[in-house]
Amino acid sequence: MRHFERIYDVVEPVEEYRHGGYHPVHLYDVFNDRYKVRAKLAFGQFSTVWLAYDQLRQQQVVLKILKADASKDNKELSILLQLAAWLEGMKADNSAPEYLLGSQRRRGLLDGVEPSNLMVKIGDLGGAAFIRQREQRPVTPTALRAPELIHRIEWDVGIDIWTLGRLIFELATNEPLFPLGTFGLTAEQIDEEHLYLIGQVLDKNNQTGDTFTQYLTDRLPADFGAENLERLASFLSGMLQEKAQKRMSTAELLRHPFLFR
């Protein structure tokens, strides 16, 4: 078993250009007799993303090209349409955007914003699934999987609670909770490594405790504050429980003191 620090990938794994994997795209390729590829923008676990020119409407567009296996039964479009319909039906004034932007400016988070300063990216819904249609395909990125996904047992909305805890930890510390490396490993080896890392960070019962609190303390800024640390550790502990039934619900999380400091 290898235990190396993770090296963040800057390009998609070349071995994923295979049958069922990424589609090979070249600059100036034309799709659907309409979209001409101009530049590569990004990649993800299930797709590559390209800047293209719509020769019909004469404007720039973005092409998201799914892996062959991922495109067979992809739910992203239907989920986006459902969310769009829900948002259209919301009754809200302009206070929310004004409040959110104002609060971030007061915290200094929007001062001197430059592309090089942005460390948080908005993800897509390429791996999303309707809870009523549980699937065998991956529903979260490999490194963010909840234990029940690693063990391939029944799962529910609890996997999102686990993932939220993982992401909040990373936003607070600017490093992953479990630095999982995948290059050159089989699926079984990745699962084994992932479970090993979870056990190393959490305590012997795979429940968050003093081991995790110290792990968090060592990675937060020195001026974070003891009270803030206690609340954050408690907040994350409610999400990072190996047994899904022990994790806090969304309603419980919304009432947590960490959100009212």
C-alpha atoms as a PDB file:
ATOM      1  CA  MET A   1       0.000   0.000   0.000  1.00  0.00           C
ATOM      2  CA  ARG A   2       1.357   3.442  -0.883  1.00  0.00           C
ATOM      3  CA  HIS A   3       1.086   6.418   1.417  1.00  0.00           C
ATOM      4  CA  PHE A   4       2.340   9.403  -0.560  1.00  0.00           C
ATOM      5  CA  GLU A   5       1.166  12.984  -0.446  1.00  0.00           C
ATOM      6  CA  ARG A   6      -1.239  13.710  -3.253  1.00  0.00           C
ATOM      7  CA  ILE A   7       0.019  15.481  -6.367  1.00  0.00           C
ATOM      8  CA  TYR A   8      -2.881  17.373  -7.913  1.00  0.00           C
ATOM      9  CA  ASP A   9      -3.513  16.429 -11.506  1.00  0.00           C
ATOM     10  CA  VAL A  10      -3.317  19.246 -14.020  1.00  0.00           C
ATOM     11  CA  VAL A  11      -4.541  17.184 -16.973  1.00  0.00           C
ATOM     12  CA  GLU A  12      -7.017  14.354 -17.270  1.00  0.00           C
ATOM     13  CA  PRO A  13      -5.556  10.817 -16.956  1.00  0.00           C
ATOM     14  CA  VAL A  14      -4.363   9.760 -20.412  1.00  0.00           C
ATOM     15  CA  GLU A  15      -5.323   6.158 -19.684  1.00  0.00           C
ATOM     16  CA  GLU A  16      -8.964   7.296 -19.618  1.00  0.00           C
ATOM     17  CA  TYR A  17      -8.805   7.860 -23.380  1.00  0.00           C
ATOM     18  CA  ARG A  18     -10.123   4.369 -24.018  1.00  0.00           C
ATOM     19  CA  HIS A  19     -13.276   2.552 -25.045  1.00  0.00           C
ATOM     20  CA  GLY A  20     -15.986   4.019 -22.830  1.00  0.00           C
ATOM     21  CA  GLY A  21     -13.742   6.874 -21.677  1.00  0.00           C
ATOM     22  CA  TYR A  22     -12.900  10.385 -22.844  1.00  0.00           C
ATOM     23  CA  HIS A  23     -13.511  11.343 -26.467  1.00  0.00           C
ATOM     24  CA  PRO A  24     -10.311  12.580 -28.181  1.00  0.00           C
ATOM     25  CA  VAL A  25     -10.859  16.212 -29.160  1.00  0.00           C
ATOM     26  CA  HIS A  26      -8.520  18.341 -31.268  1.00  0.00           C
ATOM     27  CA  LEU A  27      -8.409  22.073 -31.865  1.00  0.00           C
ATOM     28  CA  TYR A  28     -10.566  23.115 -34.824  1.00  0.00           C
ATOM     29  CA  ASP A  29     -12.639  19.918 -34.698  1.00  0.00           C
ATOM     30  CA  VAL A  30     -16.243  20.659 -35.685  1.00  0.00           C
ATOM     31  CA  PHE A  31     -19.153  19.016 -33.872  1.00  0.00           C
ATOM     32  CA  ASN A  32     -22.652  18.686 -35.287  1.00  0.00           C
ATOM     33  CA  ASP A  33     -21.502  20.660 -38.346  1.00  0.00           C
ATOM     34  CA  ARG A  34     -21.750  23.723 -36.153  1.00  0.00           C
ATOM     35  CA  TYR A  35     -19.431  24.005 -33.148  1.00  0.00           C
ATOM     36  CA  LYS A  36     -15.746  24.602 -33.928  1.00  0.00           C
ATOM     37  CA  VAL A  37     -13.329  23.868 -31.071  1.00  0.00           C
ATOM     38  CA  ARG A  38     -11.032  26.759 -30.177  1.00  0.00           C
ATOM     39  CA  ALA A  39      -9.451  25.948 -26.820  1.00  0.00           C
ATOM     40  CA  LYS A  40      -9.558  23.550 -23.903  1.00  0.00           C
ATOM     41  CA  LEU A  41     -11.046  24.958 -20.712  1.00  0.00           C
ATOM     42  CA  ALA A  42     -11.142  22.171 -18.147  1.00  0.00           C
ATOM     43  CA  PHE A  43     -11.723  18.514 -17.390  1.00  0.00           C
ATOM     44  CA  GLY A  44     -13.533  16.480 -14.793  1.00  0.00           C
ATOM     45  CA  GLN A  45     -14.015  12.889 -13.755  1.00  0.00           C
ATOM     46  CA  PHE A  46     -16.711  12.396 -16.362  1.00  0.00           C
ATOM     47  CA  SER A  47     -15.998  14.953 -19.101  1.00  0.00           C
ATOM     48  CA  THR A  48     -13.758  17.474 -20.814  1.00  0.00           C
ATOM     49  CA  VAL A  49     -14.839  21.082 -21.424  1.00  0.00           C
ATOM     50  CA  TRP A  50     -13.964  23.153 -24.488  1.00  0.00           C
ATOM     51  CA  LEU A  51     -14.361  26.697 -25.763  1.00  0.00           C
ATOM     52  CA  ALA A  52     -15.992  26.554 -29.183  1.00  0.00           C
ATOM     53  CA  TYR A  53     -17.473  28.862 -31.786  1.00  0.00           C
ATOM     54  CA  ASP A  54     -21.091  28.445 -32.810  1.00  0.00           C
ATOM     55  CA  GLN A  55     -20.893  28.963 -36.575  1.00  0.00           C
ATOM     56  CA  LEU A  56     -24.683  29.284 -36.839  1.00  0.00           C
ATOM     57  CA  ARG A  57     -25.267  31.936 -34.181  1.00  0.00           C
ATOM     58  CA  GLN A  58     -21.759  33.372 -34.577  1.00  0.00           C
ATOM     59  CA  GLN A  59     -20.944  33.421 -30.899  1.00  0.00           C
ATOM     60  CA  GLN A  60     -18.658  31.625 -28.475  1.00  0.00           C
ATOM     61  CA  VAL A  61     -20.060  28.688 -26.528  1.00  0.00           C
ATOM     62  CA  VAL A  62     -18.825  26.022 -24.154  1.00  0.00           C
ATOM     63  CA  LEU A  63     -18.943  22.339 -25.076  1.00  0.00           C
ATOM     64  CA  LYS A  64     -19.055  19.706 -22.360  1.00  0.00           C
ATOM     65  CA  ILE A  65     -18.094  16.344 -23.859  1.00  0.00           C
ATOM     66  CA  LEU A  66     -18.938  13.404 -21.622  1.00  0.00           C
ATOM     67  CA  LYS A  67     -17.103  10.130 -21.370  1.00  0.00           C
ATOM     68  CA  ALA A  68     -18.834   7.490 -23.456  1.00  0.00           C
ATOM     69  CA  ASP A  69     -19.865   5.454 -20.417  1.00  0.00           C
ATOM     70  CA  ALA A  70     -21.096   8.563 -18.579  1.00  0.00           C
ATOM     71  CA  SER A  71     -23.214   9.694 -21.513  1.00  0.00           C
ATOM     72  CA  LYS A  72     -25.292   6.513 -21.705  1.00  0.00           C
ATOM     73  CA  ASP A  73     -27.718   7.471 -18.961  1.00  0.00           C
ATOM     74  CA  ASN A  74     -26.718  10.960 -17.871  1.00  0.00           C
ATOM     75  CA  LYS A  75     -29.215  12.816 -15.671  1.00  0.00           C
ATOM     76  CA  GLU A  76     -27.527  16.228 -15.615  1.00  0.00           C
ATOM     77  CA  LEU A  77     -29.777  17.915 -18.170  1.00  0.00           C
ATOM     78  CA  SER A  78     -33.008  16.691 -16.574  1.00  0.00           C
ATOM     79  CA  ILE A  79     -31.768  17.757 -13.127  1.00  0.00           C
ATOM     80  CA  LEU A  80     -30.797  21.208 -14.406  1.00  0.00           C
ATOM     81  CA  LEU A  81     -34.203  21.645 -16.024  1.00  0.00           C
ATOM     82  CA  GLN A  82     -35.954  20.644 -12.800  1.00  0.00           C
ATOM     83  CA  LEU A  83     -33.821  23.047 -10.745  1.00  0.00           C
ATOM     84  CA  ALA A  84     -34.446  25.840 -13.257  1.00  0.00           C
ATOM     85  CA  ALA A  85     -38.205  25.305 -12.992  1.00  0.00           C
ATOM     86  CA  TRP A  86     -37.964  25.393  -9.196  1.00  0.00           C
ATOM     87  CA  LEU A  87     -35.913  28.602  -9.219  1.00  0.00           C
ATOM     88  CA  GLU A  88     -38.334  30.255 -11.631  1.00  0.00           C
ATOM     89  CA  GLY A  89     -41.158  29.547  -9.212  1.00  0.00           C
ATOM     90  CA  MET A  90     -39.417  31.081  -6.206  1.00  0.00           C
ATOM     91  CA  LYS A  91     -40.790  34.315  -4.829  1.00  0.00           C
ATOM     92  CA  ALA A  92     -37.880  36.495  -3.766  1.00  0.00           C
ATOM     93  CA  ASP A  93     -36.809  40.089  -3.931  1.00  0.00           C
ATOM     94  CA  ASN A  94     -33.314  41.402  -4.527  1.00  0.00           C
ATOM     95  CA  SER A  95     -32.327  41.378  -0.866  1.00  0.00           C
ATOM     96  CA  ALA A  96     -30.559  38.005  -0.901  1.00  0.00           C
ATOM     97  CA  PRO A  97     -27.899  38.875  -3.530  1.00  0.00           C
ATOM     98  CA  GLU A  98     -27.377  42.280  -1.954  1.00  0.00           C
ATOM     99  CA  TYR A  99     -26.980  40.759   1.499  1.00  0.00           C
ATOM    100  CA  LEU A 100     -24.637  38.020   0.366  1.00  0.00           C
ATOM    101  CA  LEU A 101     -22.373  40.335  -1.618  1.00  0.00           C
ATOM    102  CA  GLY A 102     -22.341  42.901   1.154  1.00  0.00           C
ATOM    103  CA  SER A 103     -21.414  40.347   3.806  1.00  0.00           C
ATOM    104  CA  GLN A 104     -18.538  39.006   1.718  1.00  0.00           C
ATOM    105  CA  ARG A 105     -17.206  42.505   1.118  1.00  0.00           C
ATOM    106  CA  ARG A 106     -17.311  43.219   4.847  1.00  0.00           C
ATOM    107  CA  ARG A 107     -15.223  40.118   5.426  1.00  0.00           C
ATOM    108  CA  GLY A 108     -12.754  41.217   2.779  1.00  0.00           C
ATOM    109  CA  LEU A 109     -13.435  38.177   0.618  1.00  0.00           C
ATOM    110  CA  LEU A 110     -14.211  40.235  -2.474  1.00  0.00           C
ATOM    111  CA  ASP A 111     -11.428  42.785  -2.115  1.00  0.00           C
ATOM    112  CA  GLY A 112      -8.907  42.765  -4.939  1.00  0.00           C
ATOM    113  CA  VAL A 113     -10.499  39.789  -6.671  1.00  0.00           C
ATOM    114  CA  GLU A 114      -8.339  38.474  -9.494  1.00  0.00           C
ATOM    115  CA  PRO A 115      -8.535  35.148 -11.370  1.00  0.00           C
ATOM    116  CA  SER A 116      -5.282  34.076  -9.707  1.00  0.00           C
ATOM    117  CA  ASN A 117      -6.814  34.702  -6.258  1.00  0.00           C
ATOM    118  CA  LEU A 118      -9.859  32.491  -6.718  1.00  0.00           C
ATOM    119  CA  MET A 119      -9.422  29.181  -4.907  1.00  0.00           C
ATOM    120  CA  VAL A 120     -13.043  27.977  -4.924  1.00  0.00           C
ATOM    121  CA  LYS A 121     -14.659  26.711  -8.099  1.00  0.00           C
ATOM    122  CA  ILE A 122     -18.363  26.133  -8.671  1.00  0.00           C
ATOM    123  CA  GLY A 123     -18.938  22.528  -9.651  1.00  0.00           C
ATOM    124  CA  ASP A 124     -21.436  21.112 -12.096  1.00  0.00           C
ATOM    125  CA  LEU A 125     -24.133  18.480 -11.684  1.00  0.00           C
ATOM    126  CA  GLY A 126     -22.540  15.876 -13.931  1.00  0.00           C
ATOM    127  CA  GLY A 127     -22.494  13.310 -11.140  1.00  0.00           C
ATOM    128  CA  ALA A 128     -25.874  14.212  -9.662  1.00  0.00           C
ATOM    129  CA  ALA A 129     -28.663  11.673  -9.391  1.00  0.00           C
ATOM    130  CA  PHE A 130     -32.266  11.637  -8.250  1.00  0.00           C
ATOM    131  CA  ILE A 131     -32.485   9.979  -4.833  1.00  0.00           C
ATOM    132  CA  ARG A 132     -35.434   7.907  -6.050  1.00  0.00           C
ATOM    133  CA  GLN A 133     -33.212   6.447  -8.769  1.00  0.00           C
ATOM    134  CA  ARG A 134     -30.173   5.108  -6.929  1.00  0.00           C
ATOM    135  CA  GLU A 135     -27.563   3.967  -9.392  1.00  0.00           C
ATOM    136  CA  GLN A 136     -24.434   1.861  -9.437  1.00  0.00           C
ATOM    137  CA  ARG A 137     -22.390   4.475 -11.289  1.00  0.00           C
ATOM    138  CA  PRO A 138     -20.277   6.966  -9.268  1.00  0.00           C
ATOM    139  CA  VAL A 139     -22.414   9.771  -7.852  1.00  0.00           C
ATOM    140  CA  THR A 140     -19.597  11.757  -6.213  1.00  0.00           C
ATOM    141  CA  PRO A 141     -15.946  12.316  -7.154  1.00  0.00           C
ATOM    142  CA  THR A 142     -13.738   9.431  -6.060  1.00  0.00           C
ATOM    143  CA  ALA A 143     -11.889  11.403  -3.378  1.00  0.00           C
ATOM    144  CA  LEU A 144     -15.150  12.657  -1.808  1.00  0.00           C
ATOM    145  CA  ARG A 145     -16.933   9.311  -1.503  1.00  0.00           C
ATOM    146  CA  ALA A 146     -18.710   8.481   1.725  1.00  0.00           C
ATOM    147  CA  PRO A 147     -17.786   5.139   3.353  1.00  0.00           C
ATOM    148  CA  GLU A 148     -21.012   3.489   2.162  1.00  0.00           C
ATOM    149  CA  LEU A 149     -20.048   4.273  -1.435  1.00  0.00           C
ATOM    150  CA  ILE A 150     -16.585   2.799  -0.930  1.00  0.00           C
ATOM    151  CA  HIS A 151     -18.122  -0.341   0.583  1.00  0.00           C
ATOM    152  CA  ARG A 152     -20.740  -0.380  -2.220  1.00  0.00           C
ATOM    153  CA  ILE A 153     -23.666  -0.758   0.141  1.00  0.00           C
ATOM    154  CA  GLU A 154     -27.050   0.984   0.186  1.00  0.00           C
ATOM    155  CA  TRP A 155     -26.827   4.774   0.349  1.00  0.00           C
ATOM    156  CA  ASP A 156     -29.134   7.774   0.653  1.00  0.00           C
ATOM    157  CA  VAL A 157     -28.882  11.558   1.116  1.00  0.00           C
ATOM    158  CA  GLY A 158     -26.338  10.949   3.875  1.00  0.00           C
ATOM    159  CA  ILE A 159     -23.619  10.797   1.236  1.00  0.00           C
ATOM    160  CA  ASP A 160     -24.176  14.505   0.571  1.00  0.00           C
ATOM    161  CA  ILE A 161     -23.792  15.300   4.279  1.00  0.00           C
ATOM    162  CA  TRP A 162     -20.426  13.502   4.283  1.00  0.00           C
ATOM    163  CA  THR A 163     -19.330  15.305   1.121  1.00  0.00           C
ATOM    164  CA  LEU A 164     -20.359  18.668   2.580  1.00  0.00           C
ATOM    165  CA  GLY A 165     -18.179  18.009   5.615  1.00  0.00           C
ATOM    166  CA  ARG A 166     -15.265  17.114   3.371  1.00  0.00           C
ATOM    167  CA  LEU A 167     -15.667  20.300   1.330  1.00  0.00           C
ATOM    168  CA  ILE A 168     -16.023  22.584   4.369  1.00  0.00           C
ATOM    169  CA  PHE A 169     -12.826  21.123   5.811  1.00  0.00           C
ATOM    170  CA  GLU A 170     -11.014  21.813   2.549  1.00  0.00           C
ATOM    171  CA  LEU A 171     -12.343  25.379   2.346  1.00  0.00           C
ATOM    172  CA  ALA A 172     -11.257  26.057   5.938  1.00  0.00           C
ATOM    173  CA  THR A 173      -7.775  24.540   5.669  1.00  0.00           C
ATOM    174  CA  ASN A 174      -7.031  24.770   1.933  1.00  0.00           C
ATOM    175  CA  GLU A 175      -6.086  21.104   1.828  1.00  0.00           C
ATOM    176  CA  PRO A 176      -7.999  17.840   1.375  1.00  0.00           C
ATOM    177  CA  LEU A 177      -9.112  15.904   4.439  1.00  0.00           C
ATOM    178  CA  PHE A 178      -7.981  12.628   2.890  1.00  0.00           C
ATOM    179  CA  PRO A 179      -5.202  13.255   0.291  1.00  0.00           C
ATOM    180  CA  LEU A 180      -6.103  10.327  -1.922  1.00  0.00           C
ATOM    181  CA  GLY A 181      -3.835   9.439  -4.814  1.00  0.00           C
ATOM    182  CA  THR A 182      -5.284   7.357  -7.641  1.00  0.00           C
ATOM    183  CA  PHE A 183      -2.695   7.322 -10.424  1.00  0.00           C
ATOM    184  CA  GLY A 184      -1.590   3.817 -11.334  1.00  0.00           C
ATOM    185  CA  LEU A 185      -3.865   2.131  -8.798  1.00  0.00           C
ATOM    186  CA  THR A 186      -6.640  -0.352  -9.432  1.00  0.00           C
ATOM    187  CA  ALA A 187     -10.161   0.343  -8.166  1.00  0.00           C
ATOM    188  CA  GLU A 188      -9.609  -2.121  -5.316  1.00  0.00           C
ATOM    189  CA  GLN A 189      -6.337  -0.434  -4.313  1.00  0.00           C
ATOM    190  CA  ILE A 190      -7.984   3.001  -4.377  1.00  0.00           C
ATOM    191  CA  ASP A 191     -10.763   1.743  -2.091  1.00  0.00           C
ATOM    192  CA  GLU A 192      -8.218   0.215   0.295  1.00  0.00           C
ATOM    193  CA  GLU A 193      -6.154   3.412   0.374  1.00  0.00           C
ATOM    194  CA  HIS A 194      -9.257   5.537   0.920  1.00  0.00           C
ATOM    195  CA  LEU A 195     -10.447   3.499   3.899  1.00  0.00           C
ATOM    196  CA  TYR A 196      -6.927   3.531   5.345  1.00  0.00           C
ATOM    197  CA  LEU A 197      -6.808   7.338   5.182  1.00  0.00           C
ATOM    198  CA  ILE A 198     -10.236   7.659   6.802  1.00  0.00           C
ATOM    199  CA  GLY A 199      -9.039   5.459   9.651  1.00  0.00           C
ATOM    200  CA  GLN A 200      -5.841   7.494  10.052  1.00  0.00           C
ATOM    201  CA  VAL A 201      -7.646  10.825  10.344  1.00  0.00           C
ATOM    202  CA  LEU A 202     -10.622   9.698  12.427  1.00  0.00           C
ATOM    203  CA  ASP A 203     -10.230   7.793  15.680  1.00  0.00           C
ATOM    204  CA  LYS A 204     -10.060   4.032  16.147  1.00  0.00           C
ATOM    205  CA  ASN A 205     -13.842   3.623  15.877  1.00  0.00           C
ATOM    206  CA  ASN A 206     -13.931   5.744  12.709  1.00  0.00           C
ATOM    207  CA  GLN A 207     -15.883   8.322  14.698  1.00  0.00           C
ATOM    208  CA  THR A 208     -14.596  11.875  14.946  1.00  0.00           C
ATOM    209  CA  GLY A 209     -12.984  12.673  18.290  1.00  0.00           C
ATOM    210  CA  ASP A 210      -9.775  14.083  19.765  1.00  0.00           C
ATOM    211  CA  THR A 211      -7.733  12.683  16.887  1.00  0.00           C
ATOM    212  CA  PHE A 212      -9.748  14.633  14.346  1.00  0.00           C
ATOM    213  CA  THR A 213      -9.885  17.812  16.464  1.00  0.00           C
ATOM    214  CA  GLN A 214      -6.100  17.873  16.703  1.00  0.00           C
ATOM    215  CA  TYR A 215      -5.804  17.123  12.991  1.00  0.00           C
ATOM    216  CA  LEU A 216      -8.053  20.119  12.301  1.00  0.00           C
ATOM    217  CA  THR A 217      -6.200  22.370  14.768  1.00  0.00           C
ATOM    218  CA  ASP A 218      -2.859  21.698  13.081  1.00  0.00           C
ATOM    219  CA  ARG A 219      -4.223  22.868   9.722  1.00  0.00           C
ATOM    220  CA  LEU A 220      -6.116  26.026  10.639  1.00  0.00           C
ATOM    221  CA  PRO A 221      -4.615  29.536  10.848  1.00  0.00           C
ATOM    222  CA  ALA A 222      -3.173  30.387  14.261  1.00  0.00           C
ATOM    223  CA  ASP A 223      -5.652  33.247  14.669  1.00  0.00           C
ATOM    224  CA  PHE A 224      -8.713  31.072  13.981  1.00  0.00           C
ATOM    225  CA  GLY A 225      -9.682  31.227  17.638  1.00  0.00           C
ATOM    226  CA  ALA A 226     -10.479  28.549  20.211  1.00  0.00           C
ATOM    227  CA  GLU A 227     -14.234  29.157  20.151  1.00  0.00           C
ATOM    228  CA  ASN A 228     -14.390  29.057  16.363  1.00  0.00           C
ATOM    229  CA  LEU A 229     -12.299  25.882  16.375  1.00  0.00           C
ATOM    230  CA  GLU A 230     -14.616  24.192  18.865  1.00  0.00           C
ATOM    231  CA  ARG A 231     -17.704  25.071  16.838  1.00  0.00           C
ATOM    232  CA  LEU A 232     -16.160  24.052  13.523  1.00  0.00           C
ATOM    233  CA  ALA A 233     -14.916  20.741  14.935  1.00  0.00           C
ATOM    234  CA  SER A 234     -18.389  20.018  16.304  1.00  0.00           C
ATOM    235  CA  PHE A 235     -20.007  21.032  13.009  1.00  0.00           C
ATOM    236  CA  LEU A 236     -17.729  18.770  10.973  1.00  0.00           C
ATOM    237  CA  SER A 237     -18.049  15.942  13.486  1.00  0.00           C
ATOM    238  CA  GLY A 238     -21.778  15.903  12.888  1.00  0.00           C
ATOM    239  CA  MET A 239     -21.168  15.241   9.213  1.00  0.00           C
ATOM    240  CA  LEU A 240     -18.090  13.017   9.207  1.00  0.00           C
ATOM    241  CA  GLN A 241     -19.551   9.930  10.840  1.00  0.00           C
ATOM    242  CA  GLU A 242     -18.756   6.615   9.185  1.00  0.00           C
ATOM    243  CA  LYS A 243     -22.246   5.304   9.900  1.00  0.00           C
ATOM    244  CA  ALA A 244     -24.676   7.338   7.813  1.00  0.00           C
ATOM    245  CA  GLN A 245     -27.478   7.124  10.383  1.00  0.00           C
ATOM    246  CA  LYS A 246     -25.289   8.944  12.927  1.00  0.00           C
ATOM    247  CA  ARG A 247     -24.720  11.972  10.697  1.00  0.00           C
ATOM    248  CA  MET A 248     -26.667  15.152  11.328  1.00  0.00           C
ATOM    249  CA  SER A 249     -29.591  15.924   9.068  1.00  0.00           C
ATOM    250  CA  THR A 250     -29.698  19.122   7.037  1.00  0.00           C
ATOM    251  CA  ALA A 251     -32.252  20.541   9.489  1.00  0.00           C
ATOM    252  CA  GLU A 252     -29.924  19.821  12.425  1.00  0.00           C
ATOM    253  CA  LEU A 253     -26.958  21.339  10.620  1.00  0.00           C
ATOM    254  CA  LEU A 254     -28.908  24.520   9.902  1.00  0.00           C
ATOM    255  CA  ARG A 255     -29.490  24.911  13.652  1.00  0.00           C
ATOM    256  CA  HIS A 256     -25.847  24.303  14.573  1.00  0.00           C
ATOM    257  CA  PRO A 257     -24.086  27.096  16.544  1.00  0.00           C
ATOM    258  CA  PHE A 258     -21.316  27.261  13.936  1.00  0.00           C
ATOM    259  CA  LEU A 259     -23.743  28.921  11.527  1.00  0.00           C
ATOM    260  CA  PHE A 260     -24.735  31.558  14.089  1.00  0.00           C
ATOM    261  CA  ARG A 261     -21.377  32.737  15.352  1.00  0.00           C
END
